[in-house]
Amino acid sequence: MPSRNPPKVILLWLLLSTPVVLYDAAFILLRPHTFTPNPLSFLWRGHNFYATVDYVYSAHALSEQDGFPAAQSFMNLIESALNILYLYLYSSTGAGSAGGLVVGFAAVVMTLSKTMLYLLNEVFAGGRHVLHNDLSTFIWCYAVPSSLWILFPAWCTVWFGGEILRRIDEGEGSGKGGKEKKRV
């Protein structure tokens, strides 16, 4: 069965999002050293601003021993490892093996579900980390960036899932012992 290359935007998303996610995880996991005026703060000026928008990133969350930011950041490391593994498998096998597709699917599902969990945690906490913002700050500094981390991974999930299903369907009808099934 012929392999199809993923759309270039998927590869671009994985290439660009991985360093962003690793950088974000490092900010959280290296706290308090990343907070202003500590030694590493110069590397995370943007994050120190963002901590005023989303208190999950703030010194207050750290002092309250809120474990969610660090747990979510640890999951960022696993997500990034899966992204890197997929890109490696893709570059070494061309369009990618079935195993590569499963790794890619797992990576983007992880990104999507982790982002949804992050946002749902905020919703069910009554917006305690972000509703202090004025409407413009909330939209441009929180809602718009967060929506990108939902829309792109959701679209990637659909592509990877569709490609996995296509290969399963082609395998079932190929005479390799599988019964031909009609997908409903």
C-alpha atoms as a PDB file:
ATOM      1  CA  MET A   1       0.000   0.000   0.000  1.00  0.00           C
ATOM      2  CA  PRO A   2       1.419   3.376  -0.950  1.00  0.00           C
ATOM      3  CA  SER A   3       2.474   5.737   1.789  1.00  0.00           C
ATOM      4  CA  ARG A   4       1.202   9.263   1.751  1.00  0.00           C
ATOM      5  CA  ASN A   5       3.296  12.107   3.012  1.00  0.00           C
ATOM      6  CA  PRO A   6       1.727  14.186   5.745  1.00  0.00           C
ATOM      7  CA  PRO A   7       0.810  17.723   4.754  1.00  0.00           C
ATOM      8  CA  LYS A   8       3.835  19.987   5.132  1.00  0.00           C
ATOM      9  CA  VAL A   9       1.974  22.041   7.750  1.00  0.00           C
ATOM     10  CA  ILE A  10       1.972  19.009  10.078  1.00  0.00           C
ATOM     11  CA  LEU A  11       5.741  18.667   9.813  1.00  0.00           C
ATOM     12  CA  LEU A  12       6.092  22.425  10.270  1.00  0.00           C
ATOM     13  CA  TRP A  13       3.824  22.326  13.339  1.00  0.00           C
ATOM     14  CA  LEU A  14       5.881  19.545  14.925  1.00  0.00           C
ATOM     15  CA  LEU A  15       9.169  21.272  14.092  1.00  0.00           C
ATOM     16  CA  LEU A  16       8.081  24.637  15.487  1.00  0.00           C
ATOM     17  CA  SER A  17       5.910  23.571  18.414  1.00  0.00           C
ATOM     18  CA  THR A  18       8.469  21.191  19.915  1.00  0.00           C
ATOM     19  CA  PRO A  19      11.079  23.828  20.866  1.00  0.00           C
ATOM     20  CA  VAL A  20       8.281  26.135  22.089  1.00  0.00           C
ATOM     21  CA  VAL A  21       6.902  23.375  24.318  1.00  0.00           C
ATOM     22  CA  LEU A  22      10.366  22.486  25.644  1.00  0.00           C
ATOM     23  CA  TYR A  23      11.101  26.159  26.365  1.00  0.00           C
ATOM     24  CA  ASP A  24       7.765  26.473  28.178  1.00  0.00           C
ATOM     25  CA  ALA A  25       8.403  23.317  30.221  1.00  0.00           C
ATOM     26  CA  ALA A  26      11.859  24.572  31.189  1.00  0.00           C
ATOM     27  CA  PHE A  27      10.379  27.833  32.495  1.00  0.00           C
ATOM     28  CA  ILE A  28       8.017  25.937  34.807  1.00  0.00           C
ATOM     29  CA  LEU A  29      10.364  23.137  35.853  1.00  0.00           C
ATOM     30  CA  LEU A  30      13.238  25.499  36.654  1.00  0.00           C
ATOM     31  CA  ARG A  31      11.156  27.837  38.823  1.00  0.00           C
ATOM     32  CA  PRO A  32      12.001  29.913  40.886  1.00  0.00           C
ATOM     33  CA  HIS A  33      15.274  30.458  38.985  1.00  0.00           C
ATOM     34  CA  THR A  34      13.332  31.612  35.909  1.00  0.00           C
ATOM     35  CA  PHE A  35      11.424  34.348  37.776  1.00  0.00           C
ATOM     36  CA  THR A  36      12.571  37.967  37.698  1.00  0.00           C
ATOM     37  CA  PRO A  37      15.142  38.911  39.093  1.00  0.00           C
ATOM     38  CA  ASN A  38      16.670  35.440  39.463  1.00  0.00           C
ATOM     39  CA  PRO A  39      19.693  34.272  37.424  1.00  0.00           C
ATOM     40  CA  LEU A  40      17.834  32.624  34.520  1.00  0.00           C
ATOM     41  CA  SER A  41      15.019  35.173  34.208  1.00  0.00           C
ATOM     42  CA  PHE A  42      16.657  36.951  31.266  1.00  0.00           C
ATOM     43  CA  LEU A  43      15.945  33.844  29.162  1.00  0.00           C
ATOM     44  CA  TRP A  44      12.218  34.002  29.909  1.00  0.00           C
ATOM     45  CA  ARG A  45      11.225  37.688  29.769  1.00  0.00           C
ATOM     46  CA  GLY A  46       8.108  36.827  27.776  1.00  0.00           C
ATOM     47  CA  HIS A  47       7.118  34.124  30.221  1.00  0.00           C
ATOM     48  CA  ASN A  48       7.570  36.494  33.145  1.00  0.00           C
ATOM     49  CA  PHE A  49       5.106  38.815  31.423  1.00  0.00           C
ATOM     50  CA  TYR A  50       2.782  35.894  30.693  1.00  0.00           C
ATOM     51  CA  ALA A  51       2.817  34.991  34.405  1.00  0.00           C
ATOM     52  CA  THR A  52       0.883  38.244  34.937  1.00  0.00           C
ATOM     53  CA  VAL A  53      -1.732  37.033  32.423  1.00  0.00           C
ATOM     54  CA  ASP A  54      -1.977  33.404  33.534  1.00  0.00           C
ATOM     55  CA  TYR A  55      -1.244  32.906  37.208  1.00  0.00           C
ATOM     56  CA  VAL A  56      -0.507  29.211  36.635  1.00  0.00           C
ATOM     57  CA  TYR A  57       2.920  30.491  35.555  1.00  0.00           C
ATOM     58  CA  SER A  58       3.325  32.838  38.514  1.00  0.00           C
ATOM     59  CA  ALA A  59       5.372  32.739  41.695  1.00  0.00           C
ATOM     60  CA  HIS A  60       2.067  32.577  43.571  1.00  0.00           C
ATOM     61  CA  ALA A  61       1.227  29.190  42.009  1.00  0.00           C
ATOM     62  CA  LEU A  62       4.671  27.943  42.974  1.00  0.00           C
ATOM     63  CA  SER A  63       4.371  29.193  46.552  1.00  0.00           C
ATOM     64  CA  GLU A  64       0.949  27.519  46.858  1.00  0.00           C
ATOM     65  CA  GLN A  65       2.593  24.283  45.712  1.00  0.00           C
ATOM     66  CA  ASP A  66       0.122  24.006  42.843  1.00  0.00           C
ATOM     67  CA  GLY A  67       1.338  20.782  41.255  1.00  0.00           C
ATOM     68  CA  PHE A  68      -0.608  21.166  38.012  1.00  0.00           C
ATOM     69  CA  PRO A  69       1.917  23.409  36.200  1.00  0.00           C
ATOM     70  CA  ALA A  70       4.839  21.064  36.878  1.00  0.00           C
ATOM     71  CA  ALA A  71       2.789  17.949  36.068  1.00  0.00           C
ATOM     72  CA  GLN A  72       1.618  19.500  32.812  1.00  0.00           C
ATOM     73  CA  SER A  73       5.196  20.546  32.008  1.00  0.00           C
ATOM     74  CA  PHE A  74       6.440  17.022  32.655  1.00  0.00           C
ATOM     75  CA  MET A  75       3.843  15.838  30.129  1.00  0.00           C
ATOM     76  CA  ASN A  76       5.254  18.482  27.747  1.00  0.00           C
ATOM     77  CA  LEU A  77       8.560  16.596  27.861  1.00  0.00           C
ATOM     78  CA  ILE A  78       6.860  13.340  26.850  1.00  0.00           C
ATOM     79  CA  GLU A  79       4.903  15.120  24.111  1.00  0.00           C
ATOM     80  CA  SER A  80       8.128  16.628  22.765  1.00  0.00           C
ATOM     81  CA  ALA A  81       9.872  13.242  22.812  1.00  0.00           C
ATOM     82  CA  LEU A  82       7.019  11.785  20.751  1.00  0.00           C
ATOM     83  CA  ASN A  83       7.199  14.707  18.304  1.00  0.00           C
ATOM     84  CA  ILE A  84      10.950  14.218  17.892  1.00  0.00           C
ATOM     85  CA  LEU A  85      10.534  10.445  17.502  1.00  0.00           C
ATOM     86  CA  TYR A  86       7.890  10.959  14.800  1.00  0.00           C
ATOM     87  CA  LEU A  87      10.088  13.439  12.922  1.00  0.00           C
ATOM     88  CA  TYR A  88      13.006  11.001  13.153  1.00  0.00           C
ATOM     89  CA  LEU A  89      10.884   8.089  11.895  1.00  0.00           C
ATOM     90  CA  TYR A  90       9.462  10.242   9.115  1.00  0.00           C
ATOM     91  CA  SER A  91      12.899  11.404   7.982  1.00  0.00           C
ATOM     92  CA  SER A  92      14.313   7.875   8.033  1.00  0.00           C
ATOM     93  CA  THR A  93      11.390   6.089   6.343  1.00  0.00           C
ATOM     94  CA  GLY A  94      10.053   8.711   3.947  1.00  0.00           C
ATOM     95  CA  ALA A  95       6.300   8.975   4.237  1.00  0.00           C
ATOM     96  CA  GLY A  96       6.482   7.021   7.438  1.00  0.00           C
ATOM     97  CA  SER A  97       5.849   3.540   8.642  1.00  0.00           C
ATOM     98  CA  ALA A  98       2.659   2.404  10.299  1.00  0.00           C
ATOM     99  CA  GLY A  99       4.525   2.667  13.603  1.00  0.00           C
ATOM    100  CA  GLY A 100       5.508   6.223  12.750  1.00  0.00           C
ATOM    101  CA  LEU A 101       1.875   7.094  12.129  1.00  0.00           C
ATOM    102  CA  VAL A 102       0.916   5.691  15.513  1.00  0.00           C
ATOM    103  CA  VAL A 103       3.662   7.745  17.196  1.00  0.00           C
ATOM    104  CA  GLY A 104       2.543  10.888  15.325  1.00  0.00           C
ATOM    105  CA  PHE A 105      -1.078  10.225  16.257  1.00  0.00           C
ATOM    106  CA  ALA A 106      -0.157   9.695  19.913  1.00  0.00           C
ATOM    107  CA  ALA A 107       1.880  12.921  19.930  1.00  0.00           C
ATOM    108  CA  VAL A 108      -0.850  15.154  18.519  1.00  0.00           C
ATOM    109  CA  VAL A 109      -3.579  13.516  20.614  1.00  0.00           C
ATOM    110  CA  MET A 110      -1.393  14.189  23.642  1.00  0.00           C
ATOM    111  CA  THR A 111      -0.965  17.848  22.678  1.00  0.00           C
ATOM    112  CA  LEU A 112      -4.699  18.251  22.107  1.00  0.00           C
ATOM    113  CA  SER A 113      -5.825  16.438  25.248  1.00  0.00           C
ATOM    114  CA  LYS A 114      -3.205  18.162  27.421  1.00  0.00           C
ATOM    115  CA  THR A 115      -4.295  21.579  26.152  1.00  0.00           C
ATOM    116  CA  MET A 116      -7.952  20.736  26.682  1.00  0.00           C
ATOM    117  CA  LEU A 117      -7.176  19.542  30.216  1.00  0.00           C
ATOM    118  CA  TYR A 118      -5.290  22.788  30.898  1.00  0.00           C
ATOM    119  CA  LEU A 119      -8.246  24.879  29.700  1.00  0.00           C
ATOM    120  CA  LEU A 120     -10.884  22.732  31.393  1.00  0.00           C
ATOM    121  CA  ASN A 121      -8.927  22.947  34.638  1.00  0.00           C
ATOM    122  CA  GLU A 122      -9.219  26.717  34.342  1.00  0.00           C
ATOM    123  CA  VAL A 123     -12.943  26.563  33.545  1.00  0.00           C
ATOM    124  CA  PHE A 124     -13.722  24.253  36.464  1.00  0.00           C
ATOM    125  CA  ALA A 125     -11.567  26.395  38.780  1.00  0.00           C
ATOM    126  CA  GLY A 126     -13.792  29.370  37.973  1.00  0.00           C
ATOM    127  CA  GLY A 127     -11.160  31.137  35.894  1.00  0.00           C
ATOM    128  CA  ARG A 128      -9.080  31.838  38.987  1.00  0.00           C
ATOM    129  CA  HIS A 129      -5.830  32.142  37.039  1.00  0.00           C
ATOM    130  CA  VAL A 130      -6.960  34.256  34.079  1.00  0.00           C
ATOM    131  CA  LEU A 131     -10.206  36.133  34.740  1.00  0.00           C
ATOM    132  CA  HIS A 132      -8.379  39.026  36.415  1.00  0.00           C
ATOM    133  CA  ASN A 133      -7.402  40.250  32.920  1.00  0.00           C
ATOM    134  CA  ASP A 134      -9.245  42.910  30.958  1.00  0.00           C
ATOM    135  CA  LEU A 135     -11.121  41.549  27.934  1.00  0.00           C
ATOM    136  CA  SER A 136      -8.485  42.549  25.368  1.00  0.00           C
ATOM    137  CA  THR A 137      -5.628  40.945  27.331  1.00  0.00           C
ATOM    138  CA  PHE A 138      -7.704  37.839  27.945  1.00  0.00           C
ATOM    139  CA  ILE A 139      -8.506  37.461  24.237  1.00  0.00           C
ATOM    140  CA  TRP A 140      -5.112  38.314  22.730  1.00  0.00           C
ATOM    141  CA  CYS A 141      -2.775  36.906  25.361  1.00  0.00           C
ATOM    142  CA  TYR A 142      -4.761  33.853  26.498  1.00  0.00           C
ATOM    143  CA  ALA A 143      -7.670  32.826  24.246  1.00  0.00           C
ATOM    144  CA  VAL A 144      -6.050  33.288  20.828  1.00  0.00           C
ATOM    145  CA  PRO A 145      -2.757  31.529  21.650  1.00  0.00           C
ATOM    146  CA  SER A 146      -4.626  28.720  23.430  1.00  0.00           C
ATOM    147  CA  SER A 147      -6.908  28.217  20.440  1.00  0.00           C
ATOM    148  CA  LEU A 148      -3.884  27.584  18.200  1.00  0.00           C
ATOM    149  CA  TRP A 149      -2.845  24.739  20.538  1.00  0.00           C
ATOM    150  CA  ILE A 150      -6.307  23.232  20.046  1.00  0.00           C
ATOM    151  CA  LEU A 151      -6.956  23.837  16.347  1.00  0.00           C
ATOM    152  CA  PHE A 152      -3.630  22.645  14.925  1.00  0.00           C
ATOM    153  CA  PRO A 153      -3.376  19.477  17.032  1.00  0.00           C
ATOM    154  CA  ALA A 154      -7.065  18.701  16.344  1.00  0.00           C
ATOM    155  CA  TRP A 155      -6.497  18.982  12.604  1.00  0.00           C
ATOM    156  CA  CYS A 156      -3.308  16.891  12.870  1.00  0.00           C
ATOM    157  CA  THR A 157      -5.221  14.277  14.896  1.00  0.00           C
ATOM    158  CA  VAL A 158      -7.836  14.018  12.152  1.00  0.00           C
ATOM    159  CA  TRP A 159      -5.142  13.595   9.482  1.00  0.00           C
ATOM    160  CA  PHE A 160      -3.147  10.954  11.400  1.00  0.00           C
ATOM    161  CA  GLY A 161      -6.319   9.108  12.416  1.00  0.00           C
ATOM    162  CA  GLY A 162      -7.600   9.155   8.839  1.00  0.00           C
ATOM    163  CA  GLU A 163      -4.282   7.866   7.515  1.00  0.00           C
ATOM    164  CA  ILE A 164      -4.226   5.046  10.088  1.00  0.00           C
ATOM    165  CA  LEU A 165      -7.815   4.080   9.186  1.00  0.00           C
ATOM    166  CA  ARG A 166      -6.985   4.218   5.453  1.00  0.00           C
ATOM    167  CA  ARG A 167      -4.100   1.810   5.966  1.00  0.00           C
ATOM    168  CA  ILE A 168      -6.217  -0.511   8.091  1.00  0.00           C
ATOM    169  CA  ASP A 169      -8.928  -0.508   5.429  1.00  0.00           C
ATOM    170  CA  GLU A 170      -6.415  -1.178   2.650  1.00  0.00           C
ATOM    171  CA  GLY A 171      -4.904  -4.016   4.679  1.00  0.00           C
ATOM    172  CA  GLU A 172      -8.318  -5.579   5.306  1.00  0.00           C
ATOM    173  CA  GLY A 173      -9.166  -5.651   1.621  1.00  0.00           C
ATOM    174  CA  SER A 174      -5.746  -6.742   0.399  1.00  0.00           C
ATOM    175  CA  GLY A 175      -6.271 -10.482   0.677  1.00  0.00           C
ATOM    176  CA  LYS A 176      -3.793 -10.782   3.551  1.00  0.00           C
ATOM    177  CA  GLY A 177      -6.145 -12.808   5.657  1.00  0.00           C
ATOM    178  CA  GLY A 178      -8.340  -9.917   6.723  1.00  0.00           C
ATOM    179  CA  LYS A 179     -12.044  -9.942   6.066  1.00  0.00           C
ATOM    180  CA  GLU A 180     -13.360  -7.097   4.007  1.00  0.00           C
ATOM    181  CA  LYS A 181     -15.432  -4.857   6.241  1.00  0.00           C
ATOM    182  CA  LYS A 182     -17.575  -1.941   5.423  1.00  0.00           C
ATOM    183  CA  ARG A 183     -16.842   1.065   7.654  1.00  0.00           C
ATOM    184  CA  VAL A 184     -19.973   2.692   8.953  1.00  0.00           C
END
